[in-house]
Amino acid sequence: MGAIAQQNRVSKTRKRKRRSHHALKKPALIACPECGEMVRSHVVCPHCGYYNKKQVKEIKAKAGAADGDK
């Protein structure tokens, strides 16, 4: 068999209609009720470690913030 040949030309409009759903979408962000940082819904806050008003993850303080004199 030979190479596959294009049967009919697809117009720019038809091609763009088909690809209209390929755009990236922004993640849904909410403010964390504990620290106020913007986080994704249904995910543990990476800043304070809270999820559903309970601390589920222990967050260590950054070395630069805790030890400012070094």
PDB file of N, CA and C in Angstrom:
ATOM      1  N   MET A   1       0.832  -1.181   0.000  1.00  0.00           N
ATOM      2  CA  MET A   1       0.000   0.000   0.000  1.00  0.00           C
ATOM      3  C   MET A   1       0.877   1.245   0.000  1.00  0.00           C
ATOM      4  N   GLY A   2       0.342   2.284  -0.600  1.00  0.00           N
ATOM      5  CA  GLY A   2       1.068   3.545  -0.669  1.00  0.00           C
ATOM      6  C   GLY A   2       0.802   4.418   0.543  1.00  0.00           C
ATOM      7  N   ALA A   3       1.310   5.611   0.456  1.00  0.00           N
ATOM      8  CA  ALA A   3       1.099   6.578   1.540  1.00  0.00           C
ATOM      9  C   ALA A   3      -0.366   7.017   1.570  1.00  0.00           C
ATOM     10  N   ILE A   4      -0.808   7.413   2.735  1.00  0.00           N
ATOM     11  CA  ILE A   4      -2.186   7.874   2.874  1.00  0.00           C
ATOM     12  C   ILE A   4      -2.279   9.277   2.305  1.00  0.00           C
ATOM     13  N   ALA A   5      -3.233   9.461   1.400  1.00  0.00           N
ATOM     14  CA  ALA A   5      -3.402  10.758   0.749  1.00  0.00           C
ATOM     15  C   ALA A   5      -4.617  11.482   1.322  1.00  0.00           C
ATOM     16  N   GLN A   6      -4.528  12.790   1.372  1.00  0.00           N
ATOM     17  CA  GLN A   6      -5.639  13.601   1.852  1.00  0.00           C
ATOM     18  C   GLN A   6      -6.768  13.543   0.827  1.00  0.00           C
ATOM     19  N   GLN A   7      -7.972  13.248   1.280  1.00  0.00           N
ATOM     20  CA  GLN A   7      -9.105  13.114   0.371  1.00  0.00           C
ATOM     21  C   GLN A   7      -9.734  14.465   0.054  1.00  0.00           C
ATOM     22  N   ASN A   8      -9.975  15.265   1.093  1.00  0.00           N
ATOM     23  CA  ASN A   8     -10.574  16.577   0.896  1.00  0.00           C
ATOM     24  C   ASN A   8      -9.875  17.577   1.799  1.00  0.00           C
ATOM     25  N   ARG A   9      -9.739  18.789   1.320  1.00  0.00           N
ATOM     26  CA  ARG A   9      -9.113  19.843   2.103  1.00  0.00           C
ATOM     27  C   ARG A   9     -10.056  20.263   3.239  1.00  0.00           C
ATOM     28  N   VAL A  10      -9.492  20.478   4.424  1.00  0.00           N
ATOM     29  CA  VAL A  10     -10.257  20.938   5.575  1.00  0.00           C
ATOM     30  C   VAL A  10     -10.026  22.433   5.707  1.00  0.00           C
ATOM     31  N   SER A  11     -11.104  23.198   5.748  1.00  0.00           N
ATOM     32  CA  SER A  11     -10.988  24.654   5.819  1.00  0.00           C
ATOM     33  C   SER A  11     -10.412  25.083   7.169  1.00  0.00           C
ATOM     34  N   LYS A  12      -9.902  26.311   7.217  1.00  0.00           N
ATOM     35  CA  LYS A  12      -9.344  26.846   8.457  1.00  0.00           C
ATOM     36  C   LYS A  12     -10.395  26.899   9.552  1.00  0.00           C
ATOM     37  N   THR A  13     -11.602  27.305   9.194  1.00  0.00           N
ATOM     38  CA  THR A  13     -12.675  27.418  10.182  1.00  0.00           C
ATOM     39  C   THR A  13     -13.040  26.065  10.754  1.00  0.00           C
ATOM     40  N   ARG A  14     -13.176  25.067   9.901  1.00  0.00           N
ATOM     41  CA  ARG A  14     -13.536  23.724  10.362  1.00  0.00           C
ATOM     42  C   ARG A  14     -12.453  23.149  11.265  1.00  0.00           C
ATOM     43  N   LYS A  15     -11.197  23.366  10.891  1.00  0.00           N
ATOM     44  CA  LYS A  15     -10.067  22.882  11.678  1.00  0.00           C
ATOM     45  C   LYS A  15     -10.040  23.579  13.041  1.00  0.00           C
ATOM     46  N   ARG A  16     -10.278  24.879  13.069  1.00  0.00           N
ATOM     47  CA  ARG A  16     -10.228  25.634  14.318  1.00  0.00           C
ATOM     48  C   ARG A  16     -11.402  25.309  15.233  1.00  0.00           C
ATOM     49  N   LYS A  17     -12.561  24.991  14.658  1.00  0.00           N
ATOM     50  CA  LYS A  17     -13.702  24.557  15.470  1.00  0.00           C
ATOM     51  C   LYS A  17     -13.373  23.251  16.188  1.00  0.00           C
ATOM     52  N   ARG A  18     -12.715  22.346  15.488  1.00  0.00           N
ATOM     53  CA  ARG A  18     -12.366  21.058  16.066  1.00  0.00           C
ATOM     54  C   ARG A  18     -11.363  21.229  17.202  1.00  0.00           C
ATOM     55  N   ARG A  19     -10.460  22.191  17.059  1.00  0.00           N
ATOM     56  CA  ARG A  19      -9.403  22.393  18.050  1.00  0.00           C
ATOM     57  C   ARG A  19      -9.776  23.405  19.127  1.00  0.00           C
ATOM     58  N   SER A  20     -11.014  23.843  19.154  1.00  0.00           N
ATOM     59  CA  SER A  20     -11.420  24.870  20.107  1.00  0.00           C
ATOM     60  C   SER A  20     -11.344  24.393  21.553  1.00  0.00           C
ATOM     61  N   HIS A  21     -11.344  23.088  21.797  1.00  0.00           N
ATOM     62  CA  HIS A  21     -11.316  22.543  23.147  1.00  0.00           C
ATOM     63  C   HIS A  21      -9.907  22.206  23.612  1.00  0.00           C
ATOM     64  N   HIS A  22      -8.896  22.515  22.824  1.00  0.00           N
ATOM     65  CA  HIS A  22      -7.527  22.137  23.158  1.00  0.00           C
ATOM     66  C   HIS A  22      -6.816  23.152  24.037  1.00  0.00           C
ATOM     67  N   ALA A  23      -7.440  24.277  24.334  1.00  0.00           N
ATOM     68  CA  ALA A  23      -6.793  25.324  25.126  1.00  0.00           C
ATOM     69  C   ALA A  23      -6.629  24.867  26.575  1.00  0.00           C
ATOM     70  N   LEU A  24      -5.574  25.373  27.227  1.00  0.00           N
ATOM     71  CA  LEU A  24      -5.358  25.070  28.636  1.00  0.00           C
ATOM     72  C   LEU A  24      -6.328  25.876  29.482  1.00  0.00           C
ATOM     73  N   LYS A  25      -6.775  25.285  30.576  1.00  0.00           N
ATOM     74  CA  LYS A  25      -7.714  25.963  31.464  1.00  0.00           C
ATOM     75  C   LYS A  25      -7.001  26.318  32.770  1.00  0.00           C
ATOM     76  N   LYS A  26      -7.417  27.429  33.379  1.00  0.00           N
ATOM     77  CA  LYS A  26      -6.838  27.839  34.648  1.00  0.00           C
ATOM     78  C   LYS A  26      -7.352  26.923  35.757  1.00  0.00           C
ATOM     79  N   PRO A  27      -6.491  26.596  36.729  1.00  0.00           N
ATOM     80  CA  PRO A  27      -6.974  25.786  37.849  1.00  0.00           C
ATOM     81  C   PRO A  27      -7.901  26.604  38.741  1.00  0.00           C
ATOM     82  N   ALA A  28      -8.901  25.954  39.315  1.00  0.00           N
ATOM     83  CA  ALA A  28      -9.832  26.625  40.214  1.00  0.00           C
ATOM     84  C   ALA A  28      -9.139  26.836  41.552  1.00  0.00           C
ATOM     85  N   LEU A  29      -8.941  28.095  41.950  1.00  0.00           N
ATOM     86  CA  LEU A  29      -8.253  28.421  43.185  1.00  0.00           C
ATOM     87  C   LEU A  29      -9.231  29.001  44.197  1.00  0.00           C
ATOM     88  N   ILE A  30      -8.999  28.668  45.464  1.00  0.00           N
ATOM     89  CA  ILE A  30      -9.781  29.234  46.560  1.00  0.00           C
ATOM     90  C   ILE A  30      -8.798  29.719  47.623  1.00  0.00           C
ATOM     91  N   ALA A  31      -9.258  30.583  48.508  1.00  0.00           N
ATOM     92  CA  ALA A  31      -8.422  31.051  49.611  1.00  0.00           C
ATOM     93  C   ALA A  31      -8.464  30.018  50.737  1.00  0.00           C
ATOM     94  N   CYS A  32      -7.299  29.670  51.255  1.00  0.00           N
ATOM     95  CA  CYS A  32      -7.214  28.730  52.378  1.00  0.00           C
ATOM     96  C   CYS A  32      -7.847  29.396  53.602  1.00  0.00           C
ATOM     97  N   PRO A  33      -8.775  28.707  54.292  1.00  0.00           N
ATOM     98  CA  PRO A  33      -9.421  29.326  55.453  1.00  0.00           C
ATOM     99  C   PRO A  33      -8.466  29.558  56.628  1.00  0.00           C
ATOM    100  N   GLU A  34      -7.341  28.850  56.681  1.00  0.00           N
ATOM    101  CA  GLU A  34      -6.388  28.991  57.786  1.00  0.00           C
ATOM    102  C   GLU A  34      -5.376  30.108  57.546  1.00  0.00           C
ATOM    103  N   CYS A  35      -4.712  30.077  56.382  1.00  0.00           N
ATOM    104  CA  CYS A  35      -3.633  31.043  56.144  1.00  0.00           C
ATOM    105  C   CYS A  35      -3.974  32.089  55.095  1.00  0.00           C
ATOM    106  N   GLY A  36      -5.018  31.879  54.307  1.00  0.00           N
ATOM    107  CA  GLY A  36      -5.428  32.864  53.312  1.00  0.00           C
ATOM    108  C   GLY A  36      -4.732  32.748  51.976  1.00  0.00           C
ATOM    109  N   GLU A  37      -3.798  31.812  51.814  1.00  0.00           N
ATOM    110  CA  GLU A  37      -3.108  31.634  50.538  1.00  0.00           C
ATOM    111  C   GLU A  37      -4.058  31.002  49.520  1.00  0.00           C
ATOM    112  N   MET A  38      -3.820  31.285  48.253  1.00  0.00           N
ATOM    113  CA  MET A  38      -4.625  30.705  47.188  1.00  0.00           C
ATOM    114  C   MET A  38      -4.134  29.290  46.895  1.00  0.00           C
ATOM    115  N   VAL A  39      -5.039  28.312  47.004  1.00  0.00           N
ATOM    116  CA  VAL A  39      -4.713  26.905  46.759  1.00  0.00           C
ATOM    117  C   VAL A  39      -5.792  26.282  45.892  1.00  0.00           C
ATOM    118  N   ARG A  40      -5.470  25.145  45.268  1.00  0.00           N
ATOM    119  CA  ARG A  40      -6.457  24.419  44.471  1.00  0.00           C
ATOM    120  C   ARG A  40      -7.495  23.783  45.387  1.00  0.00           C
ATOM    121  N   SER A  41      -8.703  23.611  44.886  1.00  0.00           N
ATOM    122  CA  SER A  41      -9.778  23.005  45.656  1.00  0.00           C
ATOM    123  C   SER A  41      -9.472  21.537  45.946  1.00  0.00           C
ATOM    124  N   HIS A  42      -9.876  21.055  47.118  1.00  0.00           N
ATOM    125  CA  HIS A  42      -9.769  19.654  47.514  1.00  0.00           C
ATOM    126  C   HIS A  42      -8.326  19.167  47.559  1.00  0.00           C
ATOM    127  N   VAL A  43      -7.390  20.060  47.919  1.00  0.00           N
ATOM    128  CA  VAL A  43      -5.978  19.717  48.014  1.00  0.00           C
ATOM    129  C   VAL A  43      -5.450  20.294  49.322  1.00  0.00           C
ATOM    130  N   VAL A  44      -4.539  19.576  49.980  1.00  0.00           N
ATOM    131  CA  VAL A  44      -3.928  20.061  51.215  1.00  0.00           C
ATOM    132  C   VAL A  44      -3.146  21.334  50.911  1.00  0.00           C
ATOM    133  N   CYS A  45      -3.298  22.340  51.773  1.00  0.00           N
ATOM    134  CA  CYS A  45      -2.601  23.610  51.579  1.00  0.00           C
ATOM    135  C   CYS A  45      -1.095  23.387  51.755  1.00  0.00           C
ATOM    136  N   PRO A  46      -0.275  23.721  50.755  1.00  0.00           N
ATOM    137  CA  PRO A  46       1.172  23.512  50.899  1.00  0.00           C
ATOM    138  C   PRO A  46       1.829  24.521  51.832  1.00  0.00           C
ATOM    139  N   HIS A  47       1.131  25.593  52.206  1.00  0.00           N
ATOM    140  CA  HIS A  47       1.707  26.629  53.057  1.00  0.00           C
ATOM    141  C   HIS A  47       1.506  26.350  54.536  1.00  0.00           C
ATOM    142  N   CYS A  48       0.326  25.830  54.913  1.00  0.00           N
ATOM    143  CA  CYS A  48       0.055  25.597  56.336  1.00  0.00           C
ATOM    144  C   CYS A  48      -0.228  24.133  56.659  1.00  0.00           C
ATOM    145  N   GLY A  49      -0.538  23.295  55.662  1.00  0.00           N
ATOM    146  CA  GLY A  49      -0.770  21.872  55.896  1.00  0.00           C
ATOM    147  C   GLY A  49      -2.177  21.519  56.328  1.00  0.00           C
ATOM    148  N   TYR A  50      -3.124  22.449  56.218  1.00  0.00           N
ATOM    149  CA  TYR A  50      -4.500  22.183  56.626  1.00  0.00           C
ATOM    150  C   TYR A  50      -5.347  21.703  55.450  1.00  0.00           C
ATOM    151  N   TYR A  51      -6.298  20.824  55.762  1.00  0.00           N
ATOM    152  CA  TYR A  51      -7.307  20.378  54.797  1.00  0.00           C
ATOM    153  C   TYR A  51      -8.577  20.110  55.577  1.00  0.00           C
ATOM    154  N   ASN A  52      -9.674  20.719  55.160  1.00  0.00           N
ATOM    155  CA  ASN A  52     -10.974  20.535  55.800  1.00  0.00           C
ATOM    156  C   ASN A  52     -10.912  20.897  57.293  1.00  0.00           C
ATOM    157  N   LYS A  53     -10.269  22.028  57.597  1.00  0.00           N
ATOM    158  CA  LYS A  53     -10.139  22.579  58.959  1.00  0.00           C
ATOM    159  C   LYS A  53      -9.380  21.663  59.911  1.00  0.00           C
ATOM    160  N   LYS A  54      -8.558  20.746  59.380  1.00  0.00           N
ATOM    161  CA  LYS A  54      -7.728  19.870  60.198  1.00  0.00           C
ATOM    162  C   LYS A  54      -6.319  19.903  59.650  1.00  0.00           C
ATOM    163  N   GLN A  55      -5.341  19.872  60.558  1.00  0.00           N
ATOM    164  CA  GLN A  55      -3.956  19.832  60.102  1.00  0.00           C
ATOM    165  C   GLN A  55      -3.612  18.395  59.766  1.00  0.00           C
ATOM    166  N   VAL A  56      -3.304  18.151  58.506  1.00  0.00           N
ATOM    167  CA  VAL A  56      -3.023  16.789  58.052  1.00  0.00           C
ATOM    168  C   VAL A  56      -1.572  16.621  57.618  1.00  0.00           C
ATOM    169  N   LYS A  57      -0.833  17.738  57.561  1.00  0.00           N
ATOM    170  CA  LYS A  57       0.549  17.676  57.115  1.00  0.00           C
ATOM    171  C   LYS A  57       1.363  18.680  57.919  1.00  0.00           C
ATOM    172  N   GLU A  58       2.492  18.239  58.448  1.00  0.00           N
ATOM    173  CA  GLU A  58       3.362  19.124  59.219  1.00  0.00           C
ATOM    174  C   GLU A  58       4.270  19.871  58.243  1.00  0.00           C
ATOM    175  N   ILE A  59       4.246  21.197  58.317  1.00  0.00           N
ATOM    176  CA  ILE A  59       5.055  22.031  57.426  1.00  0.00           C
ATOM    177  C   ILE A  59       6.214  22.601  58.224  1.00  0.00           C
ATOM    178  N   LYS A  60       7.436  22.368  57.735  1.00  0.00           N
ATOM    179  CA  LYS A  60       8.623  22.915  58.384  1.00  0.00           C
ATOM    180  C   LYS A  60       8.827  24.351  57.930  1.00  0.00           C
ATOM    181  N   ALA A  61       9.300  25.194  58.826  1.00  0.00           N
ATOM    182  CA  ALA A  61       9.586  26.590  58.473  1.00  0.00           C
ATOM    183  C   ALA A  61      10.799  26.635  57.552  1.00  0.00           C
ATOM    184  N   LYS A  62      10.809  27.579  56.634  1.00  0.00           N
ATOM    185  CA  LYS A  62      11.938  27.696  55.706  1.00  0.00           C
ATOM    186  C   LYS A  62      13.182  28.139  56.467  1.00  0.00           C
ATOM    187  N   ALA A  63      14.348  27.685  56.058  1.00  0.00           N
ATOM    188  CA  ALA A  63      15.598  27.985  56.749  1.00  0.00           C
ATOM    189  C   ALA A  63      15.908  29.475  56.690  1.00  0.00           C
ATOM    190  N   GLY A  64      15.629  30.125  55.588  1.00  0.00           N
ATOM    191  CA  GLY A  64      15.921  31.545  55.449  1.00  0.00           C
ATOM    192  C   GLY A  64      15.057  32.401  56.352  1.00  0.00           C
ATOM    193  N   ALA A  65      13.820  32.018  56.572  1.00  0.00           N
ATOM    194  CA  ALA A  65      12.899  32.808  57.389  1.00  0.00           C
ATOM    195  C   ALA A  65      13.189  32.624  58.884  1.00  0.00           C
ATOM    196  N   ALA A  66      13.559  31.415  59.302  1.00  0.00           N
ATOM    197  CA  ALA A  66      13.784  31.135  60.720  1.00  0.00           C
ATOM    198  C   ALA A  66      15.160  31.631  61.174  1.00  0.00           C
ATOM    199  N   ASP A  67      16.160  31.461  60.323  1.00  0.00           N
ATOM    200  CA  ASP A  67      17.527  31.844  60.674  1.00  0.00           C
ATOM    201  C   ASP A  67      17.963  33.045  59.849  1.00  0.00           C
ATOM    202  N   GLY A  68      17.495  34.209  60.207  1.00  0.00           N
ATOM    203  CA  GLY A  68      17.790  35.412  59.442  1.00  0.00           C
ATOM    204  C   GLY A  68      19.182  35.948  59.642  1.00  0.00           C
ATOM    205  N   ASP A  69      19.873  35.554  60.743  1.00  0.00           N
ATOM    206  CA  ASP A  69      21.195  36.122  61.017  1.00  0.00           C
ATOM    207  C   ASP A  69      22.316  35.336  60.358  1.00  0.00           C
ATOM    208  N   LYS A  70      22.067  34.250  59.708  1.00  0.00           N
ATOM    209  CA  LYS A  70      23.136  33.449  59.080  1.00  0.00           C
ATOM    210  C   LYS A  70      23.505  33.974  57.724  1.00  0.00           C
TER     211      LYS A  70
END
